[in-house]
Amino acid sequence: MLICENIACIRGETKIFNHLGFCLQGGALLLLKGPNGSGKTSLLKILCGLLPAECGQVLWNGEPIENNDSFKRDLMMIGHKSAVKSDLTVQENLQFWARLYDTEILIPAALKFYDLAAFRDVPAGQLSAGWQRRVALARLIIAPCKLWLLDEPTNFLDDDAVILTASLIESRVQQGGIVVVASHIMNSAIAAHTLFMGDFIPSSCGTQSVSAGSPSME
């Protein structure tokens, strides 16, 4: 279970969002929607512990995420940048992650899923941005963690890869995982909650919160 309680975020001297909360149980997909600058990336960074919240807290299975080894093992975060090692081959990039999770047996499946087998021995830096994004997203197969936080995962992808990524996310949710996705374009064929960042602009009084069963979350 991922719980976000009364979170506020400040960048510089500007409060980006305020009184934001939700509760997600296993098998939940949450889509973060809003224009650039609305706080989607900042919220994801708070959820994974990279950015401290101005107030409030994030809990994973009832425990704060700070210094939480169980949370770190259960988390896979993929940000705006694909963050592949350009001097390593596609195979070597995937091996790096597989060794961390003792899942080297899954490398062939990851290569096949994202049509990367032909580029197995090619340095990732020689690939286009779209193919580098496929390498980054292949981590989701290599390390099938319980919680995925994805920031614009379809950036640079062609239509076929967008469909593959949507199906991968839906499969993770159907298997009981929790996925939080910030995306301008992605929708889901399965039931999903949507959090509109504009609902938490600090212009009104009172605590605004959403949960899997509240009217504020669609």
N, C-alpha and C. Protein backbone atom coordinates (compact mmCIF):
# COMPACT_ATOMS: atom_id res chain seq x y z
N MET A 1 0.84 -1.20 0.00
CA MET A 1 0.00 0.00 0.00
C MET A 1 0.88 1.25 0.00
N LEU A 2 0.55 2.19 -0.87
CA LEU A 2 1.24 3.47 -0.94
C LEU A 2 0.29 4.56 -0.46
N ILE A 3 0.72 5.27 0.57
CA ILE A 3 -0.10 6.34 1.14
C ILE A 3 0.67 7.64 1.07
N CYS A 4 0.01 8.65 0.57
CA CYS A 4 0.55 10.00 0.48
C CYS A 4 -0.34 10.90 1.33
N GLU A 5 0.21 11.46 2.40
CA GLU A 5 -0.61 12.18 3.38
C GLU A 5 -0.29 13.67 3.39
N ASN A 6 -1.24 14.48 2.94
CA ASN A 6 -1.21 15.93 3.13
C ASN A 6 0.11 16.55 2.65
N ILE A 7 0.52 16.19 1.44
CA ILE A 7 1.81 16.62 0.91
C ILE A 7 1.72 18.02 0.33
N ALA A 8 2.76 18.81 0.60
CA ALA A 8 2.93 20.12 -0.03
C ALA A 8 4.33 20.17 -0.63
N CYS A 9 4.45 20.91 -1.74
CA CYS A 9 5.73 21.03 -2.42
C CYS A 9 6.00 22.49 -2.74
N ILE A 10 7.22 22.95 -2.42
CA ILE A 10 7.64 24.31 -2.72
C ILE A 10 8.88 24.25 -3.60
N ARG A 11 8.86 25.02 -4.70
CA ARG A 11 10.04 25.18 -5.55
C ARG A 11 10.43 26.65 -5.51
N GLY A 12 11.63 26.92 -5.01
CA GLY A 12 12.02 28.32 -4.82
C GLY A 12 11.15 28.94 -3.75
N GLU A 13 10.40 29.95 -4.14
CA GLU A 13 9.47 30.59 -3.20
C GLU A 13 8.02 30.32 -3.58
N THR A 14 7.82 29.39 -4.52
CA THR A 14 6.47 29.12 -5.02
C THR A 14 5.97 27.78 -4.51
N LYS A 15 4.80 27.77 -3.94
CA LYS A 15 4.17 26.52 -3.52
C LYS A 15 3.47 25.93 -4.74
N ILE A 16 3.94 24.77 -5.18
CA ILE A 16 3.44 24.16 -6.42
C ILE A 16 2.11 23.45 -6.17
N PHE A 17 2.05 22.68 -5.10
CA PHE A 17 0.79 22.03 -4.72
C PHE A 17 0.73 21.90 -3.22
N ASN A 18 -0.47 21.64 -2.74
CA ASN A 18 -0.75 21.74 -1.31
C ASN A 18 -1.84 20.74 -0.94
N HIS A 19 -1.77 20.17 0.27
CA HIS A 19 -2.83 19.30 0.79
C HIS A 19 -3.14 18.16 -0.16
N LEU A 20 -2.12 17.54 -0.71
CA LEU A 20 -2.32 16.45 -1.66
C LEU A 20 -2.20 15.11 -0.94
N GLY A 21 -3.18 14.25 -1.16
CA GLY A 21 -3.13 12.94 -0.53
C GLY A 21 -3.86 11.89 -1.32
N PHE A 22 -3.42 10.65 -1.17
CA PHE A 22 -4.12 9.52 -1.78
C PHE A 22 -3.66 8.23 -1.11
N CYS A 23 -4.40 7.19 -1.35
CA CYS A 23 -4.07 5.86 -0.84
C CYS A 23 -4.28 4.85 -1.97
N LEU A 24 -3.24 4.10 -2.28
CA LEU A 24 -3.31 3.10 -3.35
C LEU A 24 -2.95 1.73 -2.79
N GLN A 25 -3.80 0.76 -3.07
CA GLN A 25 -3.52 -0.62 -2.69
C GLN A 25 -3.03 -1.40 -3.90
N GLY A 26 -2.56 -2.62 -3.66
CA GLY A 26 -2.07 -3.45 -4.73
C GLY A 26 -3.08 -3.59 -5.86
N GLY A 27 -2.59 -3.53 -7.10
CA GLY A 27 -3.47 -3.62 -8.25
C GLY A 27 -4.07 -2.29 -8.65
N ALA A 28 -3.39 -1.18 -8.29
CA ALA A 28 -3.91 0.16 -8.60
C ALA A 28 -3.01 0.87 -9.60
N LEU A 29 -3.64 1.61 -10.50
CA LEU A 29 -2.95 2.46 -11.46
C LEU A 29 -3.43 3.88 -11.27
N LEU A 30 -2.48 4.79 -11.04
CA LEU A 30 -2.81 6.21 -10.85
C LEU A 30 -2.14 7.02 -11.96
N LEU A 31 -2.94 7.75 -12.72
CA LEU A 31 -2.45 8.63 -13.77
C LEU A 31 -2.40 10.06 -13.25
N LEU A 32 -1.23 10.67 -13.33
CA LEU A 32 -1.07 12.07 -12.94
C LEU A 32 -1.22 12.94 -14.19
N LYS A 33 -2.14 13.88 -14.14
CA LYS A 33 -2.42 14.73 -15.29
C LYS A 33 -2.23 16.19 -14.91
N GLY A 34 -1.80 16.97 -15.89
CA GLY A 34 -1.63 18.40 -15.67
C GLY A 34 -0.60 18.95 -16.63
N PRO A 35 -0.62 20.25 -16.89
CA PRO A 35 0.33 20.87 -17.81
C PRO A 35 1.73 20.90 -17.22
N ASN A 36 2.71 21.23 -18.06
CA ASN A 36 4.06 21.39 -17.57
C ASN A 36 4.09 22.43 -16.45
N GLY A 37 4.84 22.12 -15.39
CA GLY A 37 4.93 23.04 -14.27
C GLY A 37 3.89 22.82 -13.19
N SER A 38 2.99 21.87 -13.40
CA SER A 38 1.92 21.64 -12.41
C SER A 38 2.37 20.77 -11.25
N GLY A 39 3.57 20.18 -11.34
CA GLY A 39 4.10 19.44 -10.19
C GLY A 39 4.13 17.94 -10.35
N LYS A 40 3.89 17.41 -11.53
CA LYS A 40 3.87 15.96 -11.71
C LYS A 40 5.23 15.33 -11.37
N THR A 41 6.28 15.89 -11.96
CA THR A 41 7.62 15.36 -11.71
C THR A 41 8.03 15.55 -10.25
N SER A 42 7.71 16.70 -9.69
CA SER A 42 8.04 16.94 -8.28
C SER A 42 7.34 15.94 -7.37
N LEU A 43 6.08 15.64 -7.66
CA LEU A 43 5.37 14.66 -6.86
C LEU A 43 6.02 13.28 -6.96
N LEU A 44 6.40 12.87 -8.17
CA LEU A 44 7.06 11.58 -8.32
C LEU A 44 8.37 11.54 -7.54
N LYS A 45 9.12 12.64 -7.56
CA LYS A 45 10.37 12.69 -6.80
C LYS A 45 10.12 12.60 -5.30
N ILE A 46 9.04 13.20 -4.84
CA ILE A 46 8.67 13.08 -3.43
C ILE A 46 8.29 11.64 -3.10
N LEU A 47 7.53 11.01 -4.00
CA LEU A 47 7.06 9.65 -3.76
C LEU A 47 8.22 8.66 -3.69
N CYS A 48 9.30 8.94 -4.41
CA CYS A 48 10.42 7.99 -4.39
C CYS A 48 11.51 8.41 -3.41
N GLY A 49 11.34 9.54 -2.74
CA GLY A 49 12.29 9.96 -1.73
C GLY A 49 13.44 10.82 -2.23
N LEU A 50 13.41 11.23 -3.49
CA LEU A 50 14.48 12.07 -4.03
C LEU A 50 14.32 13.54 -3.65
N LEU A 51 13.10 13.93 -3.32
CA LEU A 51 12.80 15.32 -2.99
C LEU A 51 11.98 15.34 -1.70
N PRO A 52 12.42 16.09 -0.68
CA PRO A 52 11.63 16.14 0.55
C PRO A 52 10.37 16.98 0.36
N ALA A 53 9.30 16.53 0.96
CA ALA A 53 8.06 17.31 0.93
C ALA A 53 8.17 18.45 1.93
N GLU A 54 7.51 19.57 1.61
CA GLU A 54 7.48 20.69 2.53
C GLU A 54 6.75 20.30 3.81
N CYS A 55 5.71 19.49 3.65
CA CYS A 55 5.01 18.94 4.81
C CYS A 55 4.33 17.65 4.37
N GLY A 56 3.83 16.90 5.33
CA GLY A 56 3.18 15.63 5.04
C GLY A 56 4.19 14.50 4.98
N GLN A 57 3.71 13.31 4.64
CA GLN A 57 4.60 12.16 4.57
C GLN A 57 4.10 11.14 3.56
N VAL A 58 5.02 10.28 3.12
CA VAL A 58 4.72 9.18 2.22
C VAL A 58 5.01 7.88 2.97
N LEU A 59 4.06 6.96 2.93
CA LEU A 59 4.19 5.68 3.64
C LEU A 59 4.13 4.54 2.63
N TRP A 60 4.95 3.53 2.85
CA TRP A 60 4.92 2.31 2.07
C TRP A 60 4.64 1.16 3.03
N ASN A 61 3.50 0.52 2.84
CA ASN A 61 3.06 -0.56 3.75
C ASN A 61 3.09 -0.12 5.20
N GLY A 62 2.63 1.12 5.42
CA GLY A 62 2.47 1.63 6.77
C GLY A 62 3.70 2.25 7.38
N GLU A 63 4.85 2.25 6.67
CA GLU A 63 6.10 2.79 7.21
C GLU A 63 6.59 3.95 6.35
N PRO A 64 7.18 4.98 6.97
CA PRO A 64 7.75 6.07 6.18
C PRO A 64 8.80 5.56 5.20
N ILE A 65 8.89 6.20 4.04
CA ILE A 65 9.82 5.70 3.03
C ILE A 65 11.27 6.07 3.33
N GLU A 66 11.50 7.03 4.22
CA GLU A 66 12.87 7.43 4.54
C GLU A 66 13.61 6.28 5.23
N ASN A 67 14.81 5.99 4.74
CA ASN A 67 15.65 4.93 5.32
C ASN A 67 14.91 3.60 5.41
N ASN A 68 14.09 3.33 4.41
CA ASN A 68 13.25 2.13 4.40
C ASN A 68 13.80 1.18 3.33
N ASP A 69 14.56 0.17 3.74
CA ASP A 69 15.18 -0.75 2.79
C ASP A 69 14.14 -1.55 2.01
N SER A 70 13.04 -1.90 2.65
CA SER A 70 11.99 -2.64 1.96
C SER A 70 11.41 -1.80 0.83
N PHE A 71 11.21 -0.52 1.08
CA PHE A 71 10.69 0.38 0.05
C PHE A 71 11.66 0.47 -1.13
N LYS A 72 12.95 0.58 -0.84
CA LYS A 72 13.96 0.69 -1.90
C LYS A 72 13.97 -0.55 -2.78
N ARG A 73 13.80 -1.72 -2.17
CA ARG A 73 13.78 -2.96 -2.94
C ARG A 73 12.53 -3.05 -3.81
N ASP A 74 11.44 -2.50 -3.33
CA ASP A 74 10.16 -2.63 -4.04
C ASP A 74 9.95 -1.57 -5.12
N LEU A 75 10.84 -0.58 -5.20
CA LEU A 75 10.64 0.58 -6.07
C LEU A 75 11.43 0.50 -7.36
N MET A 76 10.77 0.85 -8.46
CA MET A 76 11.46 1.15 -9.72
C MET A 76 10.96 2.50 -10.21
N MET A 77 11.89 3.45 -10.34
CA MET A 77 11.58 4.79 -10.82
C MET A 77 12.25 5.01 -12.17
N ILE A 78 11.49 5.44 -13.16
CA ILE A 78 12.05 5.82 -14.46
C ILE A 78 11.61 7.25 -14.73
N GLY A 79 12.60 8.14 -14.83
CA GLY A 79 12.31 9.56 -14.95
C GLY A 79 12.23 10.03 -16.38
N HIS A 80 12.24 11.36 -16.55
CA HIS A 80 12.19 11.98 -17.88
C HIS A 80 13.32 11.48 -18.76
N LYS A 81 14.53 11.42 -18.18
CA LYS A 81 15.69 10.97 -18.94
C LYS A 81 15.79 9.46 -18.89
N SER A 82 16.21 8.86 -19.99
CA SER A 82 16.28 7.40 -20.05
C SER A 82 17.39 6.84 -19.17
N ALA A 83 18.45 7.62 -18.94
CA ALA A 83 19.51 7.24 -18.00
C ALA A 83 20.12 5.87 -18.32
N VAL A 84 20.41 5.65 -19.60
CA VAL A 84 21.16 4.45 -19.96
C VAL A 84 22.63 4.81 -20.03
N LYS A 85 23.48 3.81 -19.83
CA LYS A 85 24.93 4.02 -19.92
C LYS A 85 25.32 3.97 -21.40
N SER A 86 25.70 5.13 -21.93
CA SER A 86 25.92 5.23 -23.37
C SER A 86 27.08 4.39 -23.87
N ASP A 87 28.09 4.15 -23.02
CA ASP A 87 29.25 3.39 -23.46
C ASP A 87 29.08 1.89 -23.30
N LEU A 88 27.98 1.47 -22.66
CA LEU A 88 27.68 0.05 -22.52
C LEU A 88 26.72 -0.38 -23.62
N THR A 89 26.81 -1.64 -24.01
CA THR A 89 25.86 -2.16 -25.00
C THR A 89 24.49 -2.30 -24.37
N VAL A 90 23.50 -2.54 -25.22
CA VAL A 90 22.15 -2.77 -24.72
C VAL A 90 22.15 -3.95 -23.75
N GLN A 91 22.81 -5.03 -24.12
CA GLN A 91 22.89 -6.21 -23.26
C GLN A 91 23.53 -5.87 -21.92
N GLU A 92 24.61 -5.10 -21.96
CA GLU A 92 25.32 -4.76 -20.72
C GLU A 92 24.48 -3.84 -19.83
N ASN A 93 23.72 -2.93 -20.44
CA ASN A 93 22.82 -2.09 -19.64
C ASN A 93 21.82 -2.95 -18.88
N LEU A 94 21.23 -3.92 -19.57
CA LEU A 94 20.24 -4.77 -18.92
C LEU A 94 20.90 -5.70 -17.90
N GLN A 95 22.11 -6.14 -18.17
CA GLN A 95 22.81 -7.00 -17.22
C GLN A 95 23.09 -6.27 -15.91
N PHE A 96 23.38 -4.98 -16.01
CA PHE A 96 23.62 -4.19 -14.79
C PHE A 96 22.44 -4.29 -13.84
N TRP A 97 21.24 -4.07 -14.38
CA TRP A 97 20.04 -4.13 -13.54
C TRP A 97 19.72 -5.56 -13.12
N ALA A 98 19.91 -6.50 -14.01
CA ALA A 98 19.59 -7.90 -13.70
C ALA A 98 20.45 -8.43 -12.56
N ARG A 99 21.70 -8.01 -12.51
CA ARG A 99 22.57 -8.48 -11.43
C ARG A 99 22.15 -7.92 -10.08
N LEU A 100 21.60 -6.72 -10.09
CA LEU A 100 21.10 -6.14 -8.84
C LEU A 100 19.94 -6.95 -8.27
N TYR A 101 19.12 -7.50 -9.15
CA TYR A 101 17.91 -8.20 -8.72
C TYR A 101 18.01 -9.72 -8.90
N ASP A 102 19.18 -10.20 -9.34
CA ASP A 102 19.39 -11.63 -9.58
C ASP A 102 18.34 -12.17 -10.55
N THR A 103 18.15 -11.42 -11.66
CA THR A 103 17.12 -11.79 -12.64
C THR A 103 17.70 -11.87 -14.05
N GLU A 104 18.94 -12.33 -14.17
CA GLU A 104 19.55 -12.41 -15.49
C GLU A 104 18.78 -13.32 -16.44
N ILE A 105 18.02 -14.24 -15.87
CA ILE A 105 17.21 -15.14 -16.70
C ILE A 105 16.15 -14.37 -17.49
N LEU A 106 15.83 -13.14 -17.06
CA LEU A 106 14.78 -12.35 -17.71
C LEU A 106 15.30 -11.47 -18.85
N ILE A 107 16.61 -11.42 -19.03
CA ILE A 107 17.17 -10.55 -20.08
C ILE A 107 16.64 -10.90 -21.47
N PRO A 108 16.62 -12.17 -21.88
CA PRO A 108 16.09 -12.48 -23.21
C PRO A 108 14.64 -12.01 -23.40
N ALA A 109 13.82 -12.15 -22.35
CA ALA A 109 12.43 -11.71 -22.44
C ALA A 109 12.34 -10.20 -22.61
N ALA A 110 13.20 -9.47 -21.90
CA ALA A 110 13.20 -8.01 -22.01
C ALA A 110 13.63 -7.56 -23.40
N LEU A 111 14.67 -8.20 -23.94
CA LEU A 111 15.13 -7.87 -25.29
C LEU A 111 14.04 -8.14 -26.33
N LYS A 112 13.37 -9.27 -26.17
CA LYS A 112 12.33 -9.64 -27.14
C LYS A 112 11.12 -8.72 -27.04
N PHE A 113 10.72 -8.38 -25.83
CA PHE A 113 9.50 -7.58 -25.64
C PHE A 113 9.62 -6.23 -26.33
N TYR A 114 10.77 -5.58 -26.19
CA TYR A 114 10.96 -4.25 -26.79
C TYR A 114 11.73 -4.29 -28.11
N ASP A 115 11.78 -5.47 -28.74
CA ASP A 115 12.41 -5.62 -30.05
C ASP A 115 13.86 -5.13 -30.05
N LEU A 116 14.59 -5.44 -28.99
CA LEU A 116 15.95 -4.95 -28.83
C LEU A 116 17.01 -5.98 -29.20
N ALA A 117 16.60 -7.18 -29.55
CA ALA A 117 17.57 -8.25 -29.77
C ALA A 117 18.58 -7.89 -30.86
N ALA A 118 18.13 -7.21 -31.89
CA ALA A 118 19.04 -6.85 -32.99
C ALA A 118 20.10 -5.83 -32.56
N PHE A 119 19.83 -5.13 -31.45
CA PHE A 119 20.76 -4.11 -30.96
C PHE A 119 21.52 -4.60 -29.72
N ARG A 120 21.46 -5.88 -29.45
CA ARG A 120 22.04 -6.45 -28.22
C ARG A 120 23.48 -5.98 -27.98
N ASP A 121 24.29 -5.98 -29.03
CA ASP A 121 25.72 -5.69 -28.88
C ASP A 121 26.09 -4.28 -29.33
N VAL A 122 25.09 -3.43 -29.50
CA VAL A 122 25.32 -2.04 -29.93
C VAL A 122 25.43 -1.14 -28.69
N PRO A 123 26.45 -0.29 -28.62
CA PRO A 123 26.50 0.67 -27.51
C PRO A 123 25.24 1.53 -27.48
N ALA A 124 24.67 1.68 -26.30
CA ALA A 124 23.39 2.40 -26.19
C ALA A 124 23.49 3.82 -26.69
N GLY A 125 24.66 4.43 -26.59
CA GLY A 125 24.84 5.80 -27.05
C GLY A 125 24.69 5.97 -28.54
N GLN A 126 24.76 4.88 -29.29
CA GLN A 126 24.60 4.95 -30.74
C GLN A 126 23.14 4.83 -31.17
N LEU A 127 22.26 4.58 -30.24
CA LEU A 127 20.85 4.41 -30.56
C LEU A 127 20.13 5.76 -30.54
N SER A 128 19.01 5.82 -31.24
CA SER A 128 18.17 7.02 -31.21
C SER A 128 17.53 7.16 -29.82
N ALA A 129 16.96 8.33 -29.56
CA ALA A 129 16.32 8.57 -28.26
C ALA A 129 15.19 7.57 -28.01
N GLY A 130 14.45 7.22 -29.08
CA GLY A 130 13.35 6.27 -28.92
C GLY A 130 13.82 4.88 -28.52
N TRP A 131 14.91 4.41 -29.14
CA TRP A 131 15.43 3.09 -28.79
C TRP A 131 16.10 3.10 -27.42
N GLN A 132 16.73 4.21 -27.06
CA GLN A 132 17.27 4.31 -25.71
C GLN A 132 16.15 4.25 -24.67
N ARG A 133 15.01 4.85 -25.02
CA ARG A 133 13.87 4.80 -24.09
C ARG A 133 13.38 3.36 -23.93
N ARG A 134 13.40 2.59 -24.99
CA ARG A 134 13.03 1.18 -24.90
C ARG A 134 13.98 0.43 -23.97
N VAL A 135 15.27 0.73 -24.07
CA VAL A 135 16.24 0.09 -23.17
C VAL A 135 15.92 0.42 -21.71
N ALA A 136 15.62 1.69 -21.46
CA ALA A 136 15.29 2.11 -20.10
C ALA A 136 14.04 1.39 -19.59
N LEU A 137 13.01 1.32 -20.41
CA LEU A 137 11.76 0.70 -19.99
C LEU A 137 11.89 -0.82 -19.85
N ALA A 138 12.86 -1.40 -20.53
CA ALA A 138 13.09 -2.85 -20.38
C ALA A 138 13.48 -3.21 -18.95
N ARG A 139 13.93 -2.22 -18.16
CA ARG A 139 14.22 -2.47 -16.74
C ARG A 139 12.98 -2.99 -16.01
N LEU A 140 11.81 -2.56 -16.47
CA LEU A 140 10.58 -2.96 -15.80
C LEU A 140 10.36 -4.47 -15.89
N ILE A 141 10.91 -5.08 -16.92
CA ILE A 141 10.84 -6.53 -17.06
C ILE A 141 11.97 -7.19 -16.28
N ILE A 142 13.15 -6.58 -16.33
CA ILE A 142 14.31 -7.11 -15.62
C ILE A 142 14.09 -7.07 -14.11
N ALA A 143 13.49 -5.99 -13.63
CA ALA A 143 13.28 -5.81 -12.19
C ALA A 143 11.80 -5.56 -11.94
N PRO A 144 10.99 -6.61 -11.92
CA PRO A 144 9.53 -6.45 -11.77
C PRO A 144 9.14 -6.10 -10.33
N CYS A 145 9.45 -4.85 -9.95
CA CYS A 145 9.22 -4.40 -8.57
C CYS A 145 7.72 -4.20 -8.30
N LYS A 146 7.40 -4.07 -7.02
CA LYS A 146 5.99 -3.93 -6.62
C LYS A 146 5.44 -2.54 -6.91
N LEU A 147 6.33 -1.53 -6.94
CA LEU A 147 5.90 -0.14 -7.15
C LEU A 147 6.68 0.46 -8.30
N TRP A 148 5.96 0.94 -9.32
CA TRP A 148 6.58 1.63 -10.45
C TRP A 148 6.16 3.09 -10.42
N LEU A 149 7.13 3.99 -10.48
CA LEU A 149 6.89 5.41 -10.64
C LEU A 149 7.48 5.83 -11.98
N LEU A 150 6.63 6.27 -12.90
CA LEU A 150 7.05 6.50 -14.28
C LEU A 150 6.73 7.93 -14.70
N ASP A 151 7.76 8.65 -15.11
CA ASP A 151 7.59 10.05 -15.52
C ASP A 151 7.65 10.14 -17.04
N GLU A 152 6.51 10.40 -17.65
CA GLU A 152 6.38 10.47 -19.11
C GLU A 152 7.08 9.28 -19.79
N PRO A 153 6.66 8.07 -19.47
CA PRO A 153 7.35 6.89 -20.00
C PRO A 153 7.30 6.77 -21.52
N THR A 154 6.32 7.41 -22.16
CA THR A 154 6.19 7.29 -23.62
C THR A 154 6.99 8.33 -24.39
N ASN A 155 7.77 9.17 -23.68
CA ASN A 155 8.63 10.14 -24.38
C ASN A 155 9.50 9.43 -25.41
N PHE A 156 9.53 9.96 -26.62
CA PHE A 156 10.38 9.51 -27.73
C PHE A 156 9.92 8.19 -28.36
N LEU A 157 8.89 7.56 -27.83
CA LEU A 157 8.47 6.26 -28.35
C LEU A 157 7.60 6.40 -29.59
N ASP A 158 7.71 5.45 -30.51
CA ASP A 158 6.78 5.38 -31.63
C ASP A 158 5.49 4.72 -31.17
N ASP A 159 4.52 4.67 -32.04
CA ASP A 159 3.20 4.16 -31.66
C ASP A 159 3.26 2.71 -31.17
N ASP A 160 4.06 1.89 -31.83
CA ASP A 160 4.15 0.49 -31.43
C ASP A 160 4.71 0.36 -30.01
N ALA A 161 5.73 1.13 -29.69
CA ALA A 161 6.34 1.06 -28.36
C ALA A 161 5.41 1.63 -27.29
N VAL A 162 4.60 2.63 -27.65
CA VAL A 162 3.61 3.15 -26.71
C VAL A 162 2.62 2.05 -26.32
N ILE A 163 2.17 1.30 -27.31
CA ILE A 163 1.23 0.20 -27.06
C ILE A 163 1.88 -0.87 -26.19
N LEU A 164 3.13 -1.21 -26.48
CA LEU A 164 3.85 -2.19 -25.68
C LEU A 164 3.95 -1.73 -24.22
N THR A 165 4.28 -0.46 -24.04
CA THR A 165 4.46 0.07 -22.68
C THR A 165 3.14 0.08 -21.92
N ALA A 166 2.06 0.47 -22.58
CA ALA A 166 0.75 0.45 -21.94
C ALA A 166 0.36 -0.96 -21.52
N SER A 167 0.66 -1.94 -22.37
CA SER A 167 0.32 -3.33 -22.03
C SER A 167 1.17 -3.83 -20.88
N LEU A 168 2.43 -3.39 -20.80
CA LEU A 168 3.30 -3.78 -19.70
C LEU A 168 2.81 -3.22 -18.38
N ILE A 169 2.40 -1.96 -18.40
CA ILE A 169 1.85 -1.33 -17.19
C ILE A 169 0.59 -2.04 -16.74
N GLU A 170 -0.29 -2.33 -17.68
CA GLU A 170 -1.54 -3.00 -17.34
C GLU A 170 -1.28 -4.39 -16.77
N SER A 171 -0.29 -5.09 -17.30
CA SER A 171 0.06 -6.41 -16.80
C SER A 171 0.57 -6.33 -15.36
N ARG A 172 1.39 -5.31 -15.07
CA ARG A 172 1.92 -5.15 -13.71
C ARG A 172 0.79 -4.90 -12.73
N VAL A 173 -0.17 -4.07 -13.12
CA VAL A 173 -1.32 -3.78 -12.25
C VAL A 173 -2.16 -5.03 -12.04
N GLN A 174 -2.41 -5.77 -13.10
CA GLN A 174 -3.21 -6.99 -12.99
C GLN A 174 -2.54 -8.04 -12.11
N GLN A 175 -1.21 -7.97 -12.01
CA GLN A 175 -0.47 -8.89 -11.16
C GLN A 175 -0.39 -8.41 -9.71
N GLY A 176 -1.01 -7.28 -9.40
CA GLY A 176 -1.05 -6.79 -8.03
C GLY A 176 -0.08 -5.68 -7.71
N GLY A 177 0.65 -5.18 -8.71
CA GLY A 177 1.56 -4.08 -8.47
C GLY A 177 0.84 -2.75 -8.39
N ILE A 178 1.57 -1.73 -7.97
CA ILE A 178 1.06 -0.35 -7.94
C ILE A 178 1.89 0.46 -8.92
N VAL A 179 1.21 1.20 -9.80
CA VAL A 179 1.89 2.00 -10.82
C VAL A 179 1.36 3.43 -10.77
N VAL A 180 2.28 4.39 -10.69
CA VAL A 180 1.92 5.81 -10.76
C VAL A 180 2.62 6.37 -11.99
N VAL A 181 1.83 6.94 -12.91
CA VAL A 181 2.35 7.40 -14.20
C VAL A 181 2.01 8.87 -14.40
N ALA A 182 3.02 9.68 -14.68
CA ALA A 182 2.79 11.06 -15.12
C ALA A 182 2.87 11.06 -16.64
N SER A 183 1.80 11.48 -17.29
CA SER A 183 1.79 11.44 -18.75
C SER A 183 0.79 12.43 -19.30
N HIS A 184 1.18 13.09 -20.40
CA HIS A 184 0.25 13.97 -21.11
C HIS A 184 -0.71 13.18 -21.99
N ILE A 185 -0.25 12.01 -22.46
CA ILE A 185 -1.02 11.33 -23.50
C ILE A 185 -1.53 9.96 -23.10
N MET A 186 -0.90 9.34 -22.12
CA MET A 186 -1.24 7.94 -21.86
C MET A 186 -2.59 7.81 -21.18
N ASN A 187 -3.37 6.89 -21.68
CA ASN A 187 -4.60 6.46 -21.04
C ASN A 187 -4.51 4.95 -20.86
N SER A 188 -5.50 4.37 -20.21
CA SER A 188 -5.41 2.94 -19.92
C SER A 188 -6.71 2.24 -20.29
N ALA A 189 -6.55 1.01 -20.78
CA ALA A 189 -7.72 0.21 -21.10
C ALA A 189 -8.32 -0.42 -19.84
N ILE A 190 -7.55 -0.43 -18.75
CA ILE A 190 -8.05 -0.99 -17.50
C ILE A 190 -8.47 0.16 -16.59
N ALA A 191 -9.21 -0.17 -15.54
CA ALA A 191 -9.68 0.85 -14.61
C ALA A 191 -8.49 1.56 -13.98
N ALA A 192 -8.52 2.87 -14.00
CA ALA A 192 -7.42 3.66 -13.44
C ALA A 192 -7.99 4.86 -12.71
N HIS A 193 -7.26 5.30 -11.72
CA HIS A 193 -7.58 6.55 -11.03
C HIS A 193 -6.81 7.67 -11.71
N THR A 194 -7.37 8.85 -11.74
CA THR A 194 -6.70 10.01 -12.32
C THR A 194 -6.64 11.12 -11.29
N LEU A 195 -5.44 11.65 -11.09
CA LEU A 195 -5.24 12.76 -10.19
C LEU A 195 -4.87 13.98 -11.02
N PHE A 196 -5.70 15.01 -10.94
CA PHE A 196 -5.45 16.24 -11.68
C PHE A 196 -4.69 17.20 -10.78
N MET A 197 -3.44 17.49 -11.16
CA MET A 197 -2.59 18.30 -10.30
C MET A 197 -3.19 19.68 -10.05
N GLY A 198 -3.95 20.20 -11.00
CA GLY A 198 -4.56 21.50 -10.83
C GLY A 198 -5.53 21.57 -9.66
N ASP A 199 -6.03 20.40 -9.21
CA ASP A 199 -6.95 20.38 -8.08
C ASP A 199 -6.25 20.72 -6.77
N PHE A 200 -4.91 20.73 -6.78
CA PHE A 200 -4.15 20.92 -5.54
C PHE A 200 -3.30 22.18 -5.57
N ILE A 201 -3.62 23.08 -6.50
CA ILE A 201 -2.98 24.39 -6.48
C ILE A 201 -3.39 25.10 -5.19
N PRO A 202 -2.45 25.67 -4.44
CA PRO A 202 -2.76 26.22 -3.12
C PRO A 202 -3.51 27.54 -3.18
N SER A 203 -4.75 27.47 -3.67
CA SER A 203 -5.55 28.69 -3.76
C SER A 203 -6.83 28.60 -2.94
N SER A 204 -7.06 27.43 -2.33
CA SER A 204 -8.28 27.27 -1.55
C SER A 204 -7.93 26.74 -0.18
N CYS A 205 -8.87 26.82 0.71
CA CYS A 205 -8.66 26.39 2.08
C CYS A 205 -9.13 24.96 2.26
N GLY A 206 -8.63 24.35 3.33
CA GLY A 206 -9.06 23.00 3.65
C GLY A 206 -8.17 21.96 3.03
N THR A 207 -8.22 20.77 3.56
CA THR A 207 -7.39 19.68 3.08
C THR A 207 -8.06 18.97 1.92
N GLN A 208 -7.33 18.85 0.81
CA GLN A 208 -7.84 18.14 -0.36
C GLN A 208 -7.16 16.79 -0.40
N SER A 209 -7.92 15.75 -0.54
CA SER A 209 -7.34 14.41 -0.53
C SER A 209 -8.14 13.52 -1.45
N VAL A 210 -7.45 12.55 -2.04
CA VAL A 210 -8.12 11.57 -2.87
C VAL A 210 -7.70 10.19 -2.44
N SER A 211 -8.57 9.24 -2.60
CA SER A 211 -8.26 7.87 -2.31
C SER A 211 -8.97 7.01 -3.33
N ALA A 212 -8.70 5.72 -3.30
CA ALA A 212 -9.25 4.84 -4.32
C ALA A 212 -10.77 4.87 -4.36
N GLY A 213 -11.39 5.34 -3.30
CA GLY A 213 -12.84 5.33 -3.30
C GLY A 213 -13.47 6.70 -3.18
N SER A 214 -12.67 7.77 -3.23
CA SER A 214 -13.23 9.09 -3.00
C SER A 214 -13.72 9.71 -4.30
N PRO A 215 -14.67 10.62 -4.22
CA PRO A 215 -15.20 11.25 -5.43
C PRO A 215 -14.16 12.09 -6.16
N SER A 216 -13.08 12.53 -5.48
CA SER A 216 -12.10 13.39 -6.10
C SER A 216 -11.21 12.66 -7.08
N MET A 217 -11.21 11.34 -7.03
CA MET A 217 -10.36 10.58 -7.93
C MET A 217 -11.22 9.84 -8.94
N GLU A 218 -10.90 10.03 -10.21
CA GLU A 218 -11.67 9.36 -11.27
C GLU A 218 -10.94 8.13 -11.74
